[in-house]
Amino acid sequence: MIFVFFYHSNIGKEIVGIVEVVKEAFVDPTDKSKKFVAVKVGFKNYLDNPVSLEMIKKNKDLKNLAIIKQSRLSVMPIDTKSWKIINKMSKILNKNKKNG
């Protein structure tokens, strides 16, 4: 099983959940030129709170993520440390909401 973040790359520019890759890269059937690929994903769960691109940019431990330079990036690799940081950022936000 491969789990990935689901990122709204247009409206919101934020990571909102986790999905499972059901089918890896295949030619995008909507692309007549056959140059683009797609992946099929299935819903796993929402993050406690969305983690915005702005928040990611402010975290020095995430400065090497490709999404910082290409905010409309559809697919990118992410290391285990960054995965954990982003998940933690979502939960900390939730904690602050309850206390605030």
C-alpha atoms as a PDB file:
ATOM      1  CA  MET A   1       0.000   0.000   0.000  1.00  0.00           C
ATOM      2  CA  ILE A   2       1.158   3.489  -0.880  1.00  0.00           C
ATOM      3  CA  PHE A   3      -0.346   6.436   0.990  1.00  0.00           C
ATOM      4  CA  VAL A   4       0.027  10.022  -0.201  1.00  0.00           C
ATOM      5  CA  PHE A   5      -1.153  13.474   0.776  1.00  0.00           C
ATOM      6  CA  PHE A   6      -4.078  14.969  -1.143  1.00  0.00           C
ATOM      7  CA  TYR A   7      -3.236  18.582  -1.979  1.00  0.00           C
ATOM      8  CA  HIS A   8      -5.593  21.214  -3.373  1.00  0.00           C
ATOM      9  CA  SER A   9      -3.262  22.737  -5.971  1.00  0.00           C
ATOM     10  CA  ASN A  10      -5.657  25.362  -7.284  1.00  0.00           C
ATOM     11  CA  ILE A  11      -8.162  26.668  -4.745  1.00  0.00           C
ATOM     12  CA  GLY A  12      -6.802  26.763  -1.206  1.00  0.00           C
ATOM     13  CA  LYS A  13      -3.294  25.450  -1.930  1.00  0.00           C
ATOM     14  CA  GLU A  14      -3.339  23.170   1.095  1.00  0.00           C
ATOM     15  CA  ILE A  15      -2.916  19.534   2.064  1.00  0.00           C
ATOM     16  CA  VAL A  16      -6.333  18.321   3.169  1.00  0.00           C
ATOM     17  CA  GLY A  17      -6.084  14.573   3.527  1.00  0.00           C
ATOM     18  CA  ILE A  18      -4.461  11.234   2.878  1.00  0.00           C
ATOM     19  CA  VAL A  19      -5.333   8.930   0.010  1.00  0.00           C
ATOM     20  CA  GLU A  20      -4.138   5.488  -1.051  1.00  0.00           C
ATOM     21  CA  VAL A  21      -2.693   4.927  -4.509  1.00  0.00           C
ATOM     22  CA  VAL A  22      -5.005   2.304  -6.035  1.00  0.00           C
ATOM     23  CA  LYS A  23      -3.423   2.291  -9.494  1.00  0.00           C
ATOM     24  CA  GLU A  24       0.032   3.676 -10.247  1.00  0.00           C
ATOM     25  CA  ALA A  25       0.894   5.857 -13.258  1.00  0.00           C
ATOM     26  CA  PHE A  26      -1.087   5.181 -16.439  1.00  0.00           C
ATOM     27  CA  VAL A  27      -1.727   7.237 -19.568  1.00  0.00           C
ATOM     28  CA  ASP A  28      -4.346   9.869 -18.786  1.00  0.00           C
ATOM     29  CA  PRO A  29      -7.419   8.855 -20.815  1.00  0.00           C
ATOM     30  CA  THR A  30      -8.529  12.509 -21.071  1.00  0.00           C
ATOM     31  CA  ASP A  31      -5.261  13.551 -22.753  1.00  0.00           C
ATOM     32  CA  LYS A  32      -5.567  13.151 -26.517  1.00  0.00           C
ATOM     33  CA  SER A  33      -1.814  13.694 -26.974  1.00  0.00           C
ATOM     34  CA  LYS A  34      -1.077  10.753 -24.621  1.00  0.00           C
ATOM     35  CA  LYS A  35       1.760  12.771 -23.010  1.00  0.00           C
ATOM     36  CA  PHE A  36       0.302  12.964 -19.506  1.00  0.00           C
ATOM     37  CA  VAL A  37      -0.149  10.264 -16.908  1.00  0.00           C
ATOM     38  CA  ALA A  38      -2.586   9.894 -14.048  1.00  0.00           C
ATOM     39  CA  VAL A  39      -2.825   7.855 -10.854  1.00  0.00           C
ATOM     40  CA  LYS A  40      -5.973   6.453  -9.332  1.00  0.00           C
ATOM     41  CA  VAL A  41      -6.434   7.109  -5.622  1.00  0.00           C
ATOM     42  CA  GLY A  42      -8.922   6.145  -2.950  1.00  0.00           C
ATOM     43  CA  PHE A  43      -9.898   8.199   0.098  1.00  0.00           C
ATOM     44  CA  LYS A  44      -8.232   7.225   3.391  1.00  0.00           C
ATOM     45  CA  ASN A  45      -8.891  10.149   5.776  1.00  0.00           C
ATOM     46  CA  TYR A  46      -8.912  13.915   6.199  1.00  0.00           C
ATOM     47  CA  LEU A  47      -6.141  15.645   8.120  1.00  0.00           C
ATOM     48  CA  ASP A  48      -7.299  17.072  11.453  1.00  0.00           C
ATOM     49  CA  ASN A  49      -6.820  20.504   9.850  1.00  0.00           C
ATOM     50  CA  PRO A  50      -5.591  21.476   6.380  1.00  0.00           C
ATOM     51  CA  VAL A  51      -1.908  22.436   6.139  1.00  0.00           C
ATOM     52  CA  SER A  52      -1.507  25.370   3.776  1.00  0.00           C
ATOM     53  CA  LEU A  53       1.332  26.016   1.364  1.00  0.00           C
ATOM     54  CA  GLU A  54       2.020  29.208   3.337  1.00  0.00           C
ATOM     55  CA  MET A  55       2.517  27.161   6.531  1.00  0.00           C
ATOM     56  CA  ILE A  56       4.785  24.716   4.719  1.00  0.00           C
ATOM     57  CA  LYS A  57       6.904  27.594   3.390  1.00  0.00           C
ATOM     58  CA  LYS A  58       7.303  28.986   6.933  1.00  0.00           C
ATOM     59  CA  ASN A  59       8.637  25.688   8.306  1.00  0.00           C
ATOM     60  CA  LYS A  60      12.424  25.597   7.815  1.00  0.00           C
ATOM     61  CA  ASP A  61      12.435  21.794   8.070  1.00  0.00           C
ATOM     62  CA  LEU A  62      10.299  21.611   4.905  1.00  0.00           C
ATOM     63  CA  LYS A  63      12.328  24.060   2.799  1.00  0.00           C
ATOM     64  CA  ASN A  64      13.519  21.346   0.388  1.00  0.00           C
ATOM     65  CA  LEU A  65      10.057  20.206  -0.717  1.00  0.00           C
ATOM     66  CA  ALA A  66       9.488  20.661  -4.447  1.00  0.00           C
ATOM     67  CA  ILE A  67       6.035  22.116  -3.786  1.00  0.00           C
ATOM     68  CA  ILE A  68       7.611  25.326  -2.472  1.00  0.00           C
ATOM     69  CA  LYS A  69       9.009  26.128  -5.918  1.00  0.00           C
ATOM     70  CA  GLN A  70       6.101  24.658  -7.902  1.00  0.00           C
ATOM     71  CA  SER A  71       2.891  25.234  -5.949  1.00  0.00           C
ATOM     72  CA  ARG A  72       0.696  23.668  -8.657  1.00  0.00           C
ATOM     73  CA  LEU A  73       2.703  20.454  -8.600  1.00  0.00           C
ATOM     74  CA  SER A  74       0.385  17.449  -8.874  1.00  0.00           C
ATOM     75  CA  VAL A  75       2.778  14.717  -7.794  1.00  0.00           C
ATOM     76  CA  MET A  76       6.031  14.844  -5.848  1.00  0.00           C
ATOM     77  CA  PRO A  77       8.034  12.576  -3.588  1.00  0.00           C
ATOM     78  CA  ILE A  78       8.099  13.300   0.134  1.00  0.00           C
ATOM     79  CA  ASP A  79      10.510  11.922   2.693  1.00  0.00           C
ATOM     80  CA  THR A  80       9.421  10.286   5.955  1.00  0.00           C
ATOM     81  CA  LYS A  81      10.592  13.208   8.114  1.00  0.00           C
ATOM     82  CA  SER A  82       8.530  15.722   6.088  1.00  0.00           C
ATOM     83  CA  TRP A  83       5.505  13.384   6.148  1.00  0.00           C
ATOM     84  CA  LYS A  84       5.649  13.286   9.952  1.00  0.00           C
ATOM     85  CA  ILE A  85       6.136  17.058  10.260  1.00  0.00           C
ATOM     86  CA  ILE A  86       3.105  17.817   8.078  1.00  0.00           C
ATOM     87  CA  ASN A  87       0.918  15.357   9.985  1.00  0.00           C
ATOM     88  CA  LYS A  88       2.060  16.915  13.261  1.00  0.00           C
ATOM     89  CA  MET A  89       1.348  20.438  11.948  1.00  0.00           C
ATOM     90  CA  SER A  90      -2.236  19.355  11.258  1.00  0.00           C
ATOM     91  CA  LYS A  91      -2.720  17.997  14.769  1.00  0.00           C
ATOM     92  CA  ILE A  92      -1.121  21.001  16.511  1.00  0.00           C
ATOM     93  CA  LEU A  93      -3.534  23.277  14.683  1.00  0.00           C
ATOM     94  CA  ASN A  94      -6.424  21.167  15.961  1.00  0.00           C
ATOM     95  CA  LYS A  95      -5.141  21.402  19.528  1.00  0.00           C
ATOM     96  CA  ASN A  96      -4.828  25.195  19.267  1.00  0.00           C
ATOM     97  CA  LYS A  97      -8.376  25.478  17.911  1.00  0.00           C
ATOM     98  CA  LYS A  98      -9.794  23.607  20.920  1.00  0.00           C
ATOM     99  CA  ASN A  99      -7.821  25.704  23.398  1.00  0.00           C
ATOM    100  CA  GLY A 100      -8.351  29.017  21.615  1.00  0.00           C
END
